[in-house]
């Protein structure tokens, strides 16, 4: 089953940029389809492959940060080729 995930990582500290970059670089190196924009990052792929990669990354990020939020949206199916028709 294919899945689409939108992520927004928000470390709750003044020097947040380094942690966000580290998280995005890990996503880029995952071998999954990753699309970035200024507000969020999307990843696409087979459900088990995506989750097997993502869950340890989230765990490590949360373990290493004192305070952090992760906004996560999951959609069944690969929505990476979506083009608005209006």
N, C-alpha and C. Protein backbone atom coordinates (compact mmCIF):
# COMPACT_ATOMS: atom_id res chain seq x y z
N UNK A 1 0.84 -1.18 0.00
CA UNK A 1 0.00 0.00 0.00
C UNK A 1 0.89 1.25 0.00
N UNK A 2 0.61 2.15 -0.89
CA UNK A 2 1.35 3.40 -0.98
C UNK A 2 0.80 4.41 0.02
N UNK A 3 1.68 5.32 0.46
CA UNK A 3 1.30 6.33 1.44
C UNK A 3 1.99 7.65 1.11
N UNK A 4 1.32 8.73 1.48
CA UNK A 4 1.88 10.08 1.37
C UNK A 4 1.87 10.68 2.76
N UNK A 5 2.99 11.31 3.15
CA UNK A 5 3.10 11.91 4.48
C UNK A 5 3.63 13.33 4.35
N UNK A 6 2.98 14.24 5.06
CA UNK A 6 3.47 15.61 5.15
C UNK A 6 3.96 15.84 6.57
N UNK A 7 5.18 16.36 6.70
CA UNK A 7 5.80 16.57 8.01
C UNK A 7 6.23 18.02 8.19
N UNK A 8 6.04 18.53 9.39
CA UNK A 8 6.60 19.81 9.77
C UNK A 8 7.21 19.65 11.15
N UNK A 9 8.53 19.72 11.22
CA UNK A 9 9.25 19.59 12.48
C UNK A 9 9.43 20.97 13.09
N UNK A 10 9.11 21.11 14.38
CA UNK A 10 9.23 22.39 15.06
C UNK A 10 9.95 22.21 16.39
N UNK A 11 11.28 22.36 16.41
CA UNK A 11 11.99 22.36 17.69
C UNK A 11 11.62 23.63 18.45
N UNK A 12 11.32 23.50 19.73
CA UNK A 12 10.87 24.64 20.53
C UNK A 12 12.06 25.27 21.26
N UNK A 13 12.90 25.92 20.46
CA UNK A 13 14.07 26.62 20.99
C UNK A 13 14.49 27.67 19.97
N UNK A 14 15.32 28.61 20.39
CA UNK A 14 15.75 29.68 19.49
C UNK A 14 16.61 29.18 18.35
N UNK A 15 17.54 28.29 18.62
CA UNK A 15 18.45 27.77 17.59
C UNK A 15 17.85 26.49 17.00
N UNK A 16 16.80 26.65 16.21
CA UNK A 16 16.05 25.51 15.68
C UNK A 16 16.50 25.05 14.30
N UNK A 17 17.16 25.90 13.55
CA UNK A 17 17.47 25.62 12.14
C UNK A 17 18.31 24.36 11.97
N UNK A 18 19.33 24.17 12.80
CA UNK A 18 20.22 23.03 12.66
C UNK A 18 19.45 21.71 12.80
N UNK A 19 18.54 21.62 13.75
CA UNK A 19 17.78 20.38 13.95
C UNK A 19 16.86 20.10 12.77
N UNK A 20 16.24 21.13 12.23
CA UNK A 20 15.38 20.95 11.06
C UNK A 20 16.19 20.48 9.87
N UNK A 21 17.34 21.09 9.64
CA UNK A 21 18.21 20.68 8.52
C UNK A 21 18.65 19.23 8.68
N UNK A 22 19.02 18.84 9.91
CA UNK A 22 19.46 17.47 10.16
C UNK A 22 18.33 16.48 9.86
N UNK A 23 17.11 16.81 10.26
CA UNK A 23 15.95 15.96 10.02
C UNK A 23 15.67 15.83 8.51
N UNK A 24 15.71 16.94 7.80
CA UNK A 24 15.45 16.93 6.35
C UNK A 24 16.55 16.17 5.62
N UNK A 25 17.80 16.34 6.02
CA UNK A 25 18.90 15.61 5.37
C UNK A 25 18.73 14.11 5.55
N UNK A 26 18.27 13.68 6.72
CA UNK A 26 18.01 12.26 6.95
C UNK A 26 16.90 11.78 6.01
N UNK A 27 15.86 12.58 5.83
CA UNK A 27 14.79 12.21 4.89
C UNK A 27 15.33 12.11 3.47
N UNK A 28 16.15 13.07 3.07
CA UNK A 28 16.73 13.05 1.72
C UNK A 28 17.55 11.79 1.49
N UNK A 29 18.24 11.31 2.51
CA UNK A 29 19.11 10.14 2.39
C UNK A 29 18.37 8.83 2.56
N UNK A 30 17.07 8.86 2.68
CA UNK A 30 16.28 7.66 2.94
C UNK A 30 16.07 6.78 1.71
N UNK A 31 16.23 7.36 0.52
CA UNK A 31 15.93 6.63 -0.71
C UNK A 31 14.45 6.72 -1.09
N UNK A 32 13.66 7.38 -0.26
CA UNK A 32 12.24 7.58 -0.55
C UNK A 32 12.07 8.84 -1.40
N UNK A 33 10.91 8.98 -2.00
CA UNK A 33 10.62 10.21 -2.74
C UNK A 33 10.32 11.31 -1.73
N UNK A 34 11.09 12.39 -1.77
CA UNK A 34 10.96 13.50 -0.83
C UNK A 34 10.77 14.78 -1.62
N UNK A 35 9.75 15.55 -1.26
CA UNK A 35 9.50 16.85 -1.87
C UNK A 35 9.46 17.87 -0.74
N UNK A 36 10.25 18.92 -0.87
CA UNK A 36 10.33 19.95 0.16
C UNK A 36 9.71 21.25 -0.35
N UNK A 37 9.15 22.00 0.59
CA UNK A 37 8.72 23.37 0.32
C UNK A 37 9.02 24.19 1.57
N UNK A 38 8.81 25.49 1.56
CA UNK A 38 9.18 26.30 2.72
C UNK A 38 8.42 25.97 4.01
N UNK A 39 7.28 25.33 3.92
CA UNK A 39 6.45 25.08 5.09
C UNK A 39 6.47 23.66 5.60
N UNK A 40 6.79 22.70 4.74
CA UNK A 40 6.75 21.30 5.15
C UNK A 40 7.57 20.45 4.19
N UNK A 41 7.65 19.18 4.53
CA UNK A 41 8.33 18.21 3.69
C UNK A 41 7.39 17.03 3.49
N UNK A 42 7.29 16.54 2.28
CA UNK A 42 6.44 15.40 1.99
C UNK A 42 7.33 14.21 1.61
N UNK A 43 6.90 13.02 2.07
CA UNK A 43 7.57 11.79 1.66
C UNK A 43 6.52 10.82 1.15
N UNK A 44 6.93 10.02 0.17
CA UNK A 44 6.01 9.12 -0.52
C UNK A 44 6.68 7.76 -0.67
N UNK A 45 5.88 6.72 -0.54
CA UNK A 45 6.42 5.39 -0.76
C UNK A 45 5.50 4.31 -0.21
N UNK A 46 6.03 3.10 -0.18
CA UNK A 46 5.29 1.96 0.33
C UNK A 46 5.19 2.10 1.86
N UNK A 47 4.01 1.85 2.40
CA UNK A 47 3.71 2.12 3.82
C UNK A 47 4.79 1.58 4.76
N UNK A 48 5.08 0.29 4.68
CA UNK A 48 6.03 -0.31 5.62
C UNK A 48 7.43 0.27 5.46
N UNK A 49 7.84 0.53 4.25
CA UNK A 49 9.17 1.10 4.01
C UNK A 49 9.27 2.51 4.61
N UNK A 50 8.24 3.31 4.38
CA UNK A 50 8.24 4.68 4.91
C UNK A 50 8.22 4.66 6.44
N UNK A 51 7.33 3.88 7.02
CA UNK A 51 7.20 3.86 8.48
C UNK A 51 8.43 3.24 9.14
N UNK A 52 9.01 2.21 8.52
CA UNK A 52 10.22 1.60 9.08
C UNK A 52 11.38 2.59 9.13
N UNK A 53 11.41 3.52 8.18
CA UNK A 53 12.44 4.55 8.19
C UNK A 53 12.07 5.69 9.14
N UNK A 54 10.82 6.13 9.07
CA UNK A 54 10.39 7.34 9.77
C UNK A 54 10.30 7.19 11.29
N UNK A 55 9.78 6.08 11.77
CA UNK A 55 9.58 5.93 13.22
C UNK A 55 10.88 6.02 14.02
N UNK A 56 11.96 5.34 13.63
CA UNK A 56 13.22 5.52 14.37
C UNK A 56 13.77 6.95 14.28
N UNK A 57 13.58 7.61 13.13
CA UNK A 57 14.04 8.99 12.98
C UNK A 57 13.28 9.91 13.94
N UNK A 58 11.98 9.73 14.03
CA UNK A 58 11.18 10.53 14.96
C UNK A 58 11.62 10.25 16.40
N UNK A 59 11.80 8.98 16.73
CA UNK A 59 12.22 8.61 18.08
C UNK A 59 13.54 9.28 18.44
N UNK A 60 14.53 9.18 17.56
CA UNK A 60 15.85 9.76 17.81
C UNK A 60 15.76 11.28 17.96
N UNK A 61 14.99 11.91 17.09
CA UNK A 61 14.82 13.36 17.14
C UNK A 61 14.19 13.78 18.47
N UNK A 62 13.14 13.08 18.88
CA UNK A 62 12.48 13.41 20.14
C UNK A 62 13.40 13.13 21.34
N UNK A 63 14.17 12.07 21.26
CA UNK A 63 15.07 11.72 22.35
C UNK A 63 16.16 12.77 22.52
N UNK A 64 16.64 13.34 21.41
CA UNK A 64 17.75 14.29 21.44
C UNK A 64 17.33 15.73 21.68
N UNK A 65 16.07 16.03 21.58
CA UNK A 65 15.58 17.40 21.77
C UNK A 65 14.82 17.53 23.09
N UNK A 66 15.01 18.63 23.76
CA UNK A 66 14.30 18.87 25.03
C UNK A 66 12.82 19.11 24.79
N UNK A 67 12.50 19.88 23.76
CA UNK A 67 11.11 20.19 23.42
C UNK A 67 10.99 20.31 21.91
N UNK A 68 10.10 19.52 21.32
CA UNK A 68 9.95 19.51 19.87
C UNK A 68 8.53 19.05 19.52
N UNK A 69 8.00 19.61 18.44
CA UNK A 69 6.70 19.18 17.92
C UNK A 69 6.90 18.65 16.51
N UNK A 70 6.08 17.69 16.14
CA UNK A 70 6.08 17.18 14.77
C UNK A 70 4.63 17.14 14.31
N UNK A 71 4.31 17.94 13.31
CA UNK A 71 3.00 17.91 12.69
C UNK A 71 3.08 16.89 11.57
N UNK A 72 2.16 15.95 11.56
CA UNK A 72 2.23 14.82 10.64
C UNK A 72 0.85 14.58 10.04
N UNK A 73 0.80 14.53 8.72
CA UNK A 73 -0.44 14.17 8.00
C UNK A 73 -0.14 12.94 7.17
N UNK A 74 -1.02 11.95 7.27
CA UNK A 74 -0.87 10.72 6.50
C UNK A 74 -2.06 10.57 5.56
N UNK A 75 -1.77 10.22 4.33
CA UNK A 75 -2.82 10.00 3.34
C UNK A 75 -2.54 8.66 2.67
N UNK A 76 -3.56 7.85 2.57
CA UNK A 76 -3.40 6.59 1.84
C UNK A 76 -3.26 6.90 0.35
N UNK A 77 -2.27 6.29 -0.28
CA UNK A 77 -2.04 6.49 -1.71
C UNK A 77 -0.89 7.44 -1.96
N UNK A 78 -0.35 7.37 -3.15
CA UNK A 78 0.75 8.24 -3.56
C UNK A 78 0.16 9.48 -4.22
N UNK A 79 0.22 10.60 -3.52
CA UNK A 79 -0.34 11.86 -4.01
C UNK A 79 0.74 12.78 -4.58
N UNK A 80 1.93 12.23 -4.86
CA UNK A 80 3.05 13.06 -5.30
C UNK A 80 2.85 13.68 -6.67
N UNK A 81 1.98 13.14 -7.47
CA UNK A 81 1.76 13.70 -8.81
C UNK A 81 0.51 14.57 -8.86
N UNK A 82 -0.04 14.94 -7.72
CA UNK A 82 -1.25 15.76 -7.67
C UNK A 82 -1.04 17.09 -8.37
N UNK A 83 -1.98 17.44 -9.22
CA UNK A 83 -2.01 18.73 -9.90
C UNK A 83 -3.43 19.28 -9.75
N UNK A 84 -3.58 20.49 -9.20
CA UNK A 84 -4.92 21.05 -9.06
C UNK A 84 -5.62 21.17 -10.42
N UNK A 85 -6.91 20.90 -10.46
CA UNK A 85 -7.65 20.99 -11.72
C UNK A 85 -8.66 22.13 -11.70
N UNK A 86 -8.36 23.16 -10.95
CA UNK A 86 -9.29 24.31 -10.89
C UNK A 86 -8.54 25.60 -11.04
